[in-house]
mmCIF file of all heavy atoms, coordinates in Angstrom:
data_MODEL
# 
_entry.id   MODEL 
# 
loop_
_atom_site.group_PDB 
_atom_site.id 
_atom_site.type_symbol 
_atom_site.label_atom_id 
_atom_site.label_alt_id 
_atom_site.label_comp_id 
_atom_site.label_asym_id 
_atom_site.label_entity_id 
_atom_site.label_seq_id 
_atom_site.pdbx_PDB_ins_code 
_atom_site.Cartn_x 
_atom_site.Cartn_y 
_atom_site.Cartn_z 
_atom_site.occupancy 
_atom_site.B_iso_or_equiv 
_atom_site.pdbx_formal_charge 
_atom_site.auth_seq_id 
_atom_site.auth_comp_id 
_atom_site.auth_asym_id 
_atom_site.auth_atom_id 
_atom_site.pdbx_PDB_model_num 
ATOM 1   N N   . TYR A 1 1  ? 4.307  -7.239  3.711  1.00 0.00 ? 1  TYR A N   1 
ATOM 2   C CA  . TYR A 1 1  ? 2.998  -7.121  4.330  1.00 0.00 ? 1  TYR A CA  1 
ATOM 3   C C   . TYR A 1 1  ? 2.880  -8.034  5.539  1.00 0.00 ? 1  TYR A C   1 
ATOM 4   O O   . TYR A 1 1  ? 3.479  -9.121  5.582  1.00 0.00 ? 1  TYR A O   1 
ATOM 5   C CB  . TYR A 1 1  ? 1.899  -7.490  3.330  1.00 0.00 ? 1  TYR A CB  1 
ATOM 6   C CG  . TYR A 1 1  ? 1.880  -6.613  2.106  1.00 0.00 ? 1  TYR A CG  1 
ATOM 7   C CD1 . TYR A 1 1  ? 2.601  -6.960  0.964  1.00 0.00 ? 1  TYR A CD1 1 
ATOM 8   C CD2 . TYR A 1 1  ? 1.138  -5.428  2.091  1.00 0.00 ? 1  TYR A CD2 1 
ATOM 9   C CE1 . TYR A 1 1  ? 2.593  -6.145  -0.153 1.00 0.00 ? 1  TYR A CE1 1 
ATOM 10  C CE2 . TYR A 1 1  ? 1.125  -4.611  0.980  1.00 0.00 ? 1  TYR A CE2 1 
ATOM 11  C CZ  . TYR A 1 1  ? 1.864  -4.978  -0.146 1.00 0.00 ? 1  TYR A CZ  1 
ATOM 12  O OH  . TYR A 1 1  ? 1.848  -4.171  -1.248 1.00 0.00 ? 1  TYR A OH  1 
ATOM 13  N N   . ALA A 1 2  ? 2.063  -7.616  6.481  1.00 0.00 ? 2  ALA A N   1 
ATOM 14  C CA  . ALA A 1 2  ? 1.698  -8.499  7.575  1.00 0.00 ? 2  ALA A CA  1 
ATOM 15  C C   . ALA A 1 2  ? 0.852  -9.640  7.007  1.00 0.00 ? 2  ALA A C   1 
ATOM 16  O O   . ALA A 1 2  ? 0.127  -9.457  6.031  1.00 0.00 ? 2  ALA A O   1 
ATOM 17  C CB  . ALA A 1 2  ? 0.902  -7.733  8.635  1.00 0.00 ? 2  ALA A CB  1 
ATOM 18  N N   . ASP A 1 3  ? 0.954  -10.783 7.626  1.00 0.00 ? 3  ASP A N   1 
ATOM 19  C CA  . ASP A 1 3  ? 0.213  -11.940 7.131  1.00 0.00 ? 3  ASP A CA  1 
ATOM 20  C C   . ASP A 1 3  ? -1.291 -11.673 7.077  1.00 0.00 ? 3  ASP A C   1 
ATOM 21  O O   . ASP A 1 3  ? -1.988 -12.195 6.206  1.00 0.00 ? 3  ASP A O   1 
ATOM 22  C CB  . ASP A 1 3  ? 0.497  -13.156 8.022  1.00 0.00 ? 3  ASP A CB  1 
ATOM 23  C CG  . ASP A 1 3  ? 1.887  -13.706 7.821  1.00 0.00 ? 3  ASP A CG  1 
ATOM 24  O OD1 . ASP A 1 3  ? 2.534  -13.375 6.796  1.00 0.00 ? 3  ASP A OD1 1 
ATOM 25  O OD2 . ASP A 1 3  ? 2.358  -14.463 8.687  1.00 0.00 ? 3  ASP A OD2 1 
ATOM 26  N N   . SER A 1 4  ? -1.773 -10.876 8.013  1.00 0.00 ? 4  SER A N   1 
ATOM 27  C CA  . SER A 1 4  ? -3.206 -10.629 8.107  1.00 0.00 ? 4  SER A CA  1 
ATOM 28  C C   . SER A 1 4  ? -3.771 -9.864  6.912  1.00 0.00 ? 4  SER A C   1 
ATOM 29  O O   . SER A 1 4  ? -4.984 -9.885  6.673  1.00 0.00 ? 4  SER A O   1 
ATOM 30  C CB  . SER A 1 4  ? -3.523 -9.876  9.393  1.00 0.00 ? 4  SER A CB  1 
ATOM 31  O OG  . SER A 1 4  ? -2.824 -8.643  9.436  1.00 0.00 ? 4  SER A OG  1 
ATOM 32  N N   . VAL A 1 5  ? -2.916 -9.160  6.163  1.00 0.00 ? 5  VAL A N   1 
ATOM 33  C CA  . VAL A 1 5  ? -3.403 -8.356  5.036  1.00 0.00 ? 5  VAL A CA  1 
ATOM 34  C C   . VAL A 1 5  ? -2.800 -8.789  3.700  1.00 0.00 ? 5  VAL A C   1 
ATOM 35  O O   . VAL A 1 5  ? -3.193 -8.267  2.651  1.00 0.00 ? 5  VAL A O   1 
ATOM 36  C CB  . VAL A 1 5  ? -3.129 -6.856  5.256  1.00 0.00 ? 5  VAL A CB  1 
ATOM 37  C CG1 . VAL A 1 5  ? -3.682 -6.404  6.596  1.00 0.00 ? 5  VAL A CG1 1 
ATOM 38  C CG2 . VAL A 1 5  ? -1.643 -6.527  5.144  1.00 0.00 ? 5  VAL A CG2 1 
ATOM 39  N N   . LYS A 1 6  ? -1.898 -9.733  3.745  1.00 0.00 ? 6  LYS A N   1 
ATOM 40  C CA  . LYS A 1 6  ? -1.216 -10.167 2.521  1.00 0.00 ? 6  LYS A CA  1 
ATOM 41  C C   . LYS A 1 6  ? -2.236 -10.684 1.504  1.00 0.00 ? 6  LYS A C   1 
ATOM 42  O O   . LYS A 1 6  ? -3.126 -11.461 1.836  1.00 0.00 ? 6  LYS A O   1 
ATOM 43  C CB  . LYS A 1 6  ? -0.202 -11.241 2.869  1.00 0.00 ? 6  LYS A CB  1 
ATOM 44  C CG  . LYS A 1 6  ? 0.857  -11.504 1.819  1.00 0.00 ? 6  LYS A CG  1 
ATOM 45  C CD  . LYS A 1 6  ? 1.924  -12.434 2.365  1.00 0.00 ? 6  LYS A CD  1 
ATOM 46  C CE  . LYS A 1 6  ? 2.714  -11.815 3.490  1.00 0.00 ? 6  LYS A CE  1 
ATOM 47  N NZ  . LYS A 1 6  ? 3.813  -12.682 3.972  1.00 0.00 ? 6  LYS A NZ  1 
ATOM 48  N N   . GLY A 1 7  ? -2.080 -10.219 0.279  1.00 0.00 ? 7  GLY A N   1 
ATOM 49  C CA  . GLY A 1 7  ? -3.009 -10.621 -0.774 1.00 0.00 ? 7  GLY A CA  1 
ATOM 50  C C   . GLY A 1 7  ? -4.248 -9.755  -0.868 1.00 0.00 ? 7  GLY A C   1 
ATOM 51  O O   . GLY A 1 7  ? -5.017 -9.865  -1.826 1.00 0.00 ? 7  GLY A O   1 
ATOM 52  N N   . ARG A 1 8  ? -4.453 -8.892  0.120  1.00 0.00 ? 8  ARG A N   1 
ATOM 53  C CA  . ARG A 1 8  ? -5.644 -8.023  0.114  1.00 0.00 ? 8  ARG A CA  1 
ATOM 54  C C   . ARG A 1 8  ? -5.287 -6.530  0.054  1.00 0.00 ? 8  ARG A C   1 
ATOM 55  O O   . ARG A 1 8  ? -6.030 -5.746  -0.519 1.00 0.00 ? 8  ARG A O   1 
ATOM 56  C CB  . ARG A 1 8  ? -6.487 -8.277  1.370  1.00 0.00 ? 8  ARG A CB  1 
ATOM 57  C CG  . ARG A 1 8  ? -6.980 -9.702  1.501  1.00 0.00 ? 8  ARG A CG  1 
ATOM 58  C CD  . ARG A 1 8  ? -7.958 -9.857  2.670  1.00 0.00 ? 8  ARG A CD  1 
ATOM 59  N NE  . ARG A 1 8  ? -7.358 -9.540  3.957  1.00 0.00 ? 8  ARG A NE  1 
ATOM 60  C CZ  . ARG A 1 8  ? -7.771 -8.540  4.743  1.00 0.00 ? 8  ARG A CZ  1 
ATOM 61  N NH1 . ARG A 1 8  ? -8.770 -7.769  4.372  1.00 0.00 ? 8  ARG A NH1 1 
ATOM 62  N NH2 . ARG A 1 8  ? -7.189 -8.343  5.920  1.00 0.00 ? 8  ARG A NH2 1 
ATOM 63  N N   . PHE A 1 9  ? -4.178 -6.169  0.641  1.00 0.00 ? 9  PHE A N   1 
ATOM 64  C CA  . PHE A 1 9  ? -3.746 -4.766  0.671  1.00 0.00 ? 9  PHE A CA  1 
ATOM 65  C C   . PHE A 1 9  ? -2.535 -4.585  -0.232 1.00 0.00 ? 9  PHE A C   1 
ATOM 66  O O   . PHE A 1 9  ? -1.696 -5.487  -0.365 1.00 0.00 ? 9  PHE A O   1 
ATOM 67  C CB  . PHE A 1 9  ? -3.352 -4.352  2.088  1.00 0.00 ? 9  PHE A CB  1 
ATOM 68  C CG  . PHE A 1 9  ? -4.483 -4.247  3.074  1.00 0.00 ? 9  PHE A CG  1 
ATOM 69  C CD1 . PHE A 1 9  ? -5.768 -4.671  2.759  1.00 0.00 ? 9  PHE A CD1 1 
ATOM 70  C CD2 . PHE A 1 9  ? -4.264 -3.701  4.327  1.00 0.00 ? 9  PHE A CD2 1 
ATOM 71  C CE1 . PHE A 1 9  ? -6.806 -4.567  3.679  1.00 0.00 ? 9  PHE A CE1 1 
ATOM 72  C CE2 . PHE A 1 9  ? -5.282 -3.587  5.260  1.00 0.00 ? 9  PHE A CE2 1 
ATOM 73  C CZ  . PHE A 1 9  ? -6.554 -4.031  4.926  1.00 0.00 ? 9  PHE A CZ  1 
ATOM 74  N N   . THR A 1 10 ? -2.436 -3.393  -0.819 1.00 0.00 ? 10 THR A N   1 
ATOM 75  C CA  . THR A 1 10 ? -1.275 -3.050  -1.658 1.00 0.00 ? 10 THR A CA  1 
ATOM 76  C C   . THR A 1 10 ? -0.780 -1.662  -1.286 1.00 0.00 ? 10 THR A C   1 
ATOM 77  O O   . THR A 1 10 ? -1.563 -0.694  -1.318 1.00 0.00 ? 10 THR A O   1 
ATOM 78  C CB  . THR A 1 10 ? -1.648 -3.078  -3.150 1.00 0.00 ? 10 THR A CB  1 
ATOM 79  O OG1 . THR A 1 10 ? -2.145 -4.367  -3.505 1.00 0.00 ? 10 THR A OG1 1 
ATOM 80  C CG2 . THR A 1 10 ? -0.425 -2.746  -4.002 1.00 0.00 ? 10 THR A CG2 1 
ATOM 81  N N   . ILE A 1 11 ? 0.483  -1.563  -0.949 1.00 0.00 ? 11 ILE A N   1 
ATOM 82  C CA  . ILE A 1 11 ? 1.103  -0.280  -0.635 1.00 0.00 ? 11 ILE A CA  1 
ATOM 83  C C   . ILE A 1 11 ? 1.860  0.220   -1.860 1.00 0.00 ? 11 ILE A C   1 
ATOM 84  O O   . ILE A 1 11 ? 2.472  -0.570  -2.593 1.00 0.00 ? 11 ILE A O   1 
ATOM 85  C CB  . ILE A 1 11 ? 2.034  -0.406  0.593  1.00 0.00 ? 11 ILE A CB  1 
ATOM 86  C CG1 . ILE A 1 11 ? 2.527  0.973   1.049  1.00 0.00 ? 11 ILE A CG1 1 
ATOM 87  C CG2 . ILE A 1 11 ? 3.197  -1.346  0.321  1.00 0.00 ? 11 ILE A CG2 1 
ATOM 88  C CD1 . ILE A 1 11 ? 3.268  0.954   2.385  1.00 0.00 ? 11 ILE A CD1 1 
ATOM 89  N N   . SER A 1 12 ? 1.804  1.527   -2.075 1.00 0.00 ? 12 SER A N   1 
ATOM 90  C CA  . SER A 1 12 ? 2.536  2.122   -3.191 1.00 0.00 ? 12 SER A CA  1 
ATOM 91  C C   . SER A 1 12 ? 2.964  3.532   -2.783 1.00 0.00 ? 12 SER A C   1 
ATOM 92  O O   . SER A 1 12 ? 2.524  4.052   -1.766 1.00 0.00 ? 12 SER A O   1 
ATOM 93  C CB  . SER A 1 12 ? 1.670  2.150   -4.459 1.00 0.00 ? 12 SER A CB  1 
ATOM 94  O OG  . SER A 1 12 ? 0.496  2.918   -4.246 1.00 0.00 ? 12 SER A OG  1 
ATOM 95  N N   . ARG A 1 13 ? 3.801  4.127   -3.591 1.00 0.00 ? 13 ARG A N   1 
ATOM 96  C CA  . ARG A 1 13 ? 4.282  5.469   -3.273 1.00 0.00 ? 13 ARG A CA  1 
ATOM 97  C C   . ARG A 1 13 ? 4.497  6.271   -4.545 1.00 0.00 ? 13 ARG A C   1 
ATOM 98  O O   . ARG A 1 13 ? 4.735  5.702   -5.621 1.00 0.00 ? 13 ARG A O   1 
ATOM 99  C CB  . ARG A 1 13 ? 5.581  5.396   -2.467 1.00 0.00 ? 13 ARG A CB  1 
ATOM 100 C CG  . ARG A 1 13 ? 6.785  4.837   -3.195 1.00 0.00 ? 13 ARG A CG  1 
ATOM 101 C CD  . ARG A 1 13 ? 7.948  4.580   -2.237 1.00 0.00 ? 13 ARG A CD  1 
ATOM 102 N NE  . ARG A 1 13 ? 8.403  5.812   -1.598 1.00 0.00 ? 13 ARG A NE  1 
ATOM 103 C CZ  . ARG A 1 13 ? 9.147  5.825   -0.486 1.00 0.00 ? 13 ARG A CZ  1 
ATOM 104 N NH1 . ARG A 1 13 ? 9.513  4.695   0.101  1.00 0.00 ? 13 ARG A NH1 1 
ATOM 105 N NH2 . ARG A 1 13 ? 9.533  6.986   0.029  1.00 0.00 ? 13 ARG A NH2 1 
ATOM 106 N N   . ASP A 1 14 ? 4.439  7.595   -4.396 1.00 0.00 ? 14 ASP A N   1 
ATOM 107 C CA  . ASP A 1 14 ? 4.735  8.524   -5.478 1.00 0.00 ? 14 ASP A CA  1 
ATOM 108 C C   . ASP A 1 14 ? 5.754  9.516   -4.917 1.00 0.00 ? 14 ASP A C   1 
ATOM 109 O O   . ASP A 1 14 ? 5.397  10.408  -4.146 1.00 0.00 ? 14 ASP A O   1 
ATOM 110 C CB  . ASP A 1 14 ? 3.452  9.244   -5.921 1.00 0.00 ? 14 ASP A CB  1 
ATOM 111 C CG  . ASP A 1 14 ? 3.675  10.179  -7.100 1.00 0.00 ? 14 ASP A CG  1 
ATOM 112 O OD1 . ASP A 1 14 ? 4.803  10.674  -7.278 1.00 0.00 ? 14 ASP A OD1 1 
ATOM 113 O OD2 . ASP A 1 14 ? 2.703  10.431  -7.836 1.00 0.00 ? 14 ASP A OD2 1 
ATOM 114 N N   . ASN A 1 15 ? 6.998  9.341   -5.283 1.00 0.00 ? 15 ASN A N   1 
ATOM 115 C CA  . ASN A 1 15 ? 8.063  10.172  -4.702 1.00 0.00 ? 15 ASN A CA  1 
ATOM 116 C C   . ASN A 1 15 ? 8.046  11.603  -5.229 1.00 0.00 ? 15 ASN A C   1 
ATOM 117 O O   . ASN A 1 15 ? 8.647  12.490  -4.627 1.00 0.00 ? 15 ASN A O   1 
ATOM 118 C CB  . ASN A 1 15 ? 9.421  9.528   -4.967 1.00 0.00 ? 15 ASN A CB  1 
ATOM 119 C CG  . ASN A 1 15 ? 9.636  8.269   -4.143 1.00 0.00 ? 15 ASN A CG  1 
ATOM 120 O OD1 . ASN A 1 15 ? 9.028  8.098   -3.081 1.00 0.00 ? 15 ASN A OD1 1 
ATOM 121 N ND2 . ASN A 1 15 ? 10.488 7.378   -4.633 1.00 0.00 ? 15 ASN A ND2 1 
ATOM 122 N N   . VAL A 1 16 ? 7.403  11.840  -6.334 1.00 0.00 ? 16 VAL A N   1 
ATOM 123 C CA  . VAL A 1 16 ? 7.282  13.212  -6.850 1.00 0.00 ? 16 VAL A CA  1 
ATOM 124 C C   . VAL A 1 16 ? 6.300  13.998  -5.984 1.00 0.00 ? 16 VAL A C   1 
ATOM 125 O O   . VAL A 1 16 ? 6.519  15.181  -5.683 1.00 0.00 ? 16 VAL A O   1 
ATOM 126 C CB  . VAL A 1 16 ? 6.829  13.198  -8.314 1.00 0.00 ? 16 VAL A CB  1 
ATOM 127 C CG1 . VAL A 1 16 ? 6.559  14.615  -8.809 1.00 0.00 ? 16 VAL A CG1 1 
ATOM 128 C CG2 . VAL A 1 16 ? 7.879  12.508  -9.189 1.00 0.00 ? 16 VAL A CG2 1 
ATOM 129 N N   . LYS A 1 17 ? 5.227  13.352  -5.590 1.00 0.00 ? 17 LYS A N   1 
ATOM 130 C CA  . LYS A 1 17 ? 4.191  14.010  -4.797 1.00 0.00 ? 17 LYS A CA  1 
ATOM 131 C C   . LYS A 1 17 ? 4.373  13.813  -3.289 1.00 0.00 ? 17 LYS A C   1 
ATOM 132 O O   . LYS A 1 17 ? 3.571  14.312  -2.498 1.00 0.00 ? 17 LYS A O   1 
ATOM 133 C CB  . LYS A 1 17 ? 2.816  13.484  -5.204 1.00 0.00 ? 17 LYS A CB  1 
ATOM 134 C CG  . LYS A 1 17 ? 2.442  13.790  -6.640 1.00 0.00 ? 17 LYS A CG  1 
ATOM 135 C CD  . LYS A 1 17 ? 1.059  13.245  -6.971 1.00 0.00 ? 17 LYS A CD  1 
ATOM 136 C CE  . LYS A 1 17 ? 0.674  13.558  -8.402 1.00 0.00 ? 17 LYS A CE  1 
ATOM 137 N NZ  . LYS A 1 17 ? -0.671 13.005  -8.746 1.00 0.00 ? 17 LYS A NZ  1 
ATOM 138 N N   . ASN A 1 18 ? 5.386  13.081  -2.882 1.00 0.00 ? 18 ASN A N   1 
ATOM 139 C CA  . ASN A 1 18 ? 5.591  12.748  -1.460 1.00 0.00 ? 18 ASN A CA  1 
ATOM 140 C C   . ASN A 1 18 ? 4.354  12.048  -0.870 1.00 0.00 ? 18 ASN A C   1 
ATOM 141 O O   . ASN A 1 18 ? 3.906  12.389  0.222  1.00 0.00 ? 18 ASN A O   1 
ATOM 142 C CB  . ASN A 1 18 ? 5.923  13.994  -0.637 1.00 0.00 ? 18 ASN A CB  1 
ATOM 143 C CG  . ASN A 1 18 ? 7.389  14.381  -0.755 1.00 0.00 ? 18 ASN A CG  1 
ATOM 144 O OD1 . ASN A 1 18 ? 8.073  13.958  -1.674 1.00 0.00 ? 18 ASN A OD1 1 
ATOM 145 N ND2 . ASN A 1 18 ? 7.875  15.173  0.192  1.00 0.00 ? 18 ASN A ND2 1 
ATOM 146 N N   . MET A 1 19 ? 3.834  11.088  -1.596 1.00 0.00 ? 19 MET A N   1 
ATOM 147 C CA  . MET A 1 19 ? 2.606  10.405  -1.191 1.00 0.00 ? 19 MET A CA  1 
ATOM 148 C C   . MET A 1 19 ? 2.866  8.915   -1.010 1.00 0.00 ? 19 MET A C   1 
ATOM 149 O O   . MET A 1 19 ? 3.687  8.315   -1.719 1.00 0.00 ? 19 MET A O   1 
ATOM 150 C CB  . MET A 1 19 ? 1.523  10.576  -2.250 1.00 0.00 ? 19 MET A CB  1 
ATOM 151 C CG  . MET A 1 19 ? 1.081  12.000  -2.496 1.00 0.00 ? 19 MET A CG  1 
ATOM 152 S SD  . MET A 1 19 ? 0.033  12.660  -1.195 1.00 0.00 ? 19 MET A SD  1 
ATOM 153 C CE  . MET A 1 19 ? -1.438 11.648  -1.395 1.00 0.00 ? 19 MET A CE  1 
ATOM 154 N N   . VAL A 1 20 ? 2.134  8.340   -0.063 1.00 0.00 ? 20 VAL A N   1 
ATOM 155 C CA  . VAL A 1 20 ? 2.095  6.896   0.135  1.00 0.00 ? 20 VAL A CA  1 
ATOM 156 C C   . VAL A 1 20 ? 0.622  6.487   0.135  1.00 0.00 ? 20 VAL A C   1 
ATOM 157 O O   . VAL A 1 20 ? -0.216 7.198   0.701  1.00 0.00 ? 20 VAL A O   1 
ATOM 158 C CB  . VAL A 1 20 ? 2.737  6.478   1.469  1.00 0.00 ? 20 VAL A CB  1 
ATOM 159 C CG1 . VAL A 1 20 ? 2.786  4.955   1.585  1.00 0.00 ? 20 VAL A CG1 1 
ATOM 160 C CG2 . VAL A 1 20 ? 4.141  7.046   1.587  1.00 0.00 ? 20 VAL A CG2 1 
ATOM 161 N N   . TYR A 1 21 ? 0.332  5.367   -0.494 1.00 0.00 ? 21 TYR A N   1 
ATOM 162 C CA  . TYR A 1 21 ? -1.042 4.906   -0.621 1.00 0.00 ? 21 TYR A CA  1 
ATOM 163 C C   . TYR A 1 21 ? -1.184 3.498   -0.046 1.00 0.00 ? 21 TYR A C   1 
ATOM 164 O O   . TYR A 1 21 ? -0.235 2.723   -0.035 1.00 0.00 ? 21 TYR A O   1 
ATOM 165 C CB  . TYR A 1 21 ? -1.467 4.891   -2.085 1.00 0.00 ? 21 TYR A CB  1 
ATOM 166 C CG  . TYR A 1 21 ? -1.274 6.200   -2.797 1.00 0.00 ? 21 TYR A CG  1 
ATOM 167 C CD1 . TYR A 1 21 ? -0.151 6.427   -3.580 1.00 0.00 ? 21 TYR A CD1 1 
ATOM 168 C CD2 . TYR A 1 21 ? -2.211 7.217   -2.679 1.00 0.00 ? 21 TYR A CD2 1 
ATOM 169 C CE1 . TYR A 1 21 ? 0.031  7.633   -4.236 1.00 0.00 ? 21 TYR A CE1 1 
ATOM 170 C CE2 . TYR A 1 21 ? -2.038 8.429   -3.334 1.00 0.00 ? 21 TYR A CE2 1 
ATOM 171 C CZ  . TYR A 1 21 ? -0.918 8.631   -4.105 1.00 0.00 ? 21 TYR A CZ  1 
ATOM 172 O OH  . TYR A 1 21 ? -0.737 9.827   -4.751 1.00 0.00 ? 21 TYR A OH  1 
ATOM 173 N N   . LEU A 1 22 ? -2.398 3.197   0.377  1.00 0.00 ? 22 LEU A N   1 
ATOM 174 C CA  . LEU A 1 22 ? -2.725 1.837   0.789  1.00 0.00 ? 22 LEU A CA  1 
ATOM 175 C C   . LEU A 1 22 ? -4.050 1.465   0.135  1.00 0.00 ? 22 LEU A C   1 
ATOM 176 O O   . LEU A 1 22 ? -5.090 2.006   0.501  1.00 0.00 ? 22 LEU A O   1 
ATOM 177 C CB  . LEU A 1 22 ? -2.816 1.685   2.298  1.00 0.00 ? 22 LEU A CB  1 
ATOM 178 C CG  . LEU A 1 22 ? -3.001 0.253   2.789  1.00 0.00 ? 22 LEU A CG  1 
ATOM 179 C CD1 . LEU A 1 22 ? -1.734 -0.556  2.540  1.00 0.00 ? 22 LEU A CD1 1 
ATOM 180 C CD2 . LEU A 1 22 ? -3.374 0.213   4.272  1.00 0.00 ? 22 LEU A CD2 1 
ATOM 181 N N   . GLN A 1 23 ? -3.990 0.587   -0.843 1.00 0.00 ? 23 GLN A N   1 
ATOM 182 C CA  . GLN A 1 23 ? -5.208 0.072   -1.472 1.00 0.00 ? 23 GLN A CA  1 
ATOM 183 C C   . GLN A 1 23 ? -5.676 -1.136  -0.684 1.00 0.00 ? 23 GLN A C   1 
ATOM 184 O O   . GLN A 1 23 ? -4.946 -2.132  -0.578 1.00 0.00 ? 23 GLN A O   1 
ATOM 185 C CB  . GLN A 1 23 ? -4.931 -0.312  -2.936 1.00 0.00 ? 23 GLN A CB  1 
ATOM 186 C CG  . GLN A 1 23 ? -6.123 -0.903  -3.658 1.00 0.00 ? 23 GLN A CG  1 
ATOM 187 C CD  . GLN A 1 23 ? -7.236 0.108   -3.859 1.00 0.00 ? 23 GLN A CD  1 
ATOM 188 O OE1 . GLN A 1 23 ? -6.999 1.223   -4.305 1.00 0.00 ? 23 GLN A OE1 1 
ATOM 189 N NE2 . GLN A 1 23 ? -8.459 -0.284  -3.537 1.00 0.00 ? 23 GLN A NE2 1 
ATOM 190 N N   . MET A 1 24 ? -6.859 -1.031  -0.140 1.00 0.00 ? 24 MET A N   1 
ATOM 191 C CA  . MET A 1 24 ? -7.432 -2.097  0.678  1.00 0.00 ? 24 MET A CA  1 
ATOM 192 C C   . MET A 1 24 ? -8.541 -2.774  -0.113 1.00 0.00 ? 24 MET A C   1 
ATOM 193 O O   . MET A 1 24 ? -9.466 -2.102  -0.581 1.00 0.00 ? 24 MET A O   1 
ATOM 194 C CB  . MET A 1 24 ? -7.984 -1.515  1.983  1.00 0.00 ? 24 MET A CB  1 
ATOM 195 C CG  . MET A 1 24 ? -6.983 -0.666  2.749  1.00 0.00 ? 24 MET A CG  1 
ATOM 196 S SD  . MET A 1 24 ? -7.745 0.246   4.118  1.00 0.00 ? 24 MET A SD  1 
ATOM 197 C CE  . MET A 1 24 ? -8.320 -1.101  5.149  1.00 0.00 ? 24 MET A CE  1 
ATOM 198 N N   . SER A 1 25 ? -8.474 -4.068  -0.253 1.00 0.00 ? 25 SER A N   1 
ATOM 199 C CA  . SER A 1 25 ? -9.485 -4.824  -0.985 1.00 0.00 ? 25 SER A CA  1 
ATOM 200 C C   . SER A 1 25 ? -9.962 -5.986  -0.134 1.00 0.00 ? 25 SER A C   1 
ATOM 201 O O   . SER A 1 25 ? -9.256 -6.447  0.766  1.00 0.00 ? 25 SER A O   1 
ATOM 202 C CB  . SER A 1 25 ? -8.918 -5.354  -2.308 1.00 0.00 ? 25 SER A CB  1 
ATOM 203 O OG  . SER A 1 25 ? -8.441 -4.301  -3.106 1.00 0.00 ? 25 SER A OG  1 
# 
């Protein structure tokens, strides 16, 4: 993560669905 979002954003992926997610908190 970039320092500006570390600890607040979480990236994840689902390779079955070809999806990438970004949870922003």
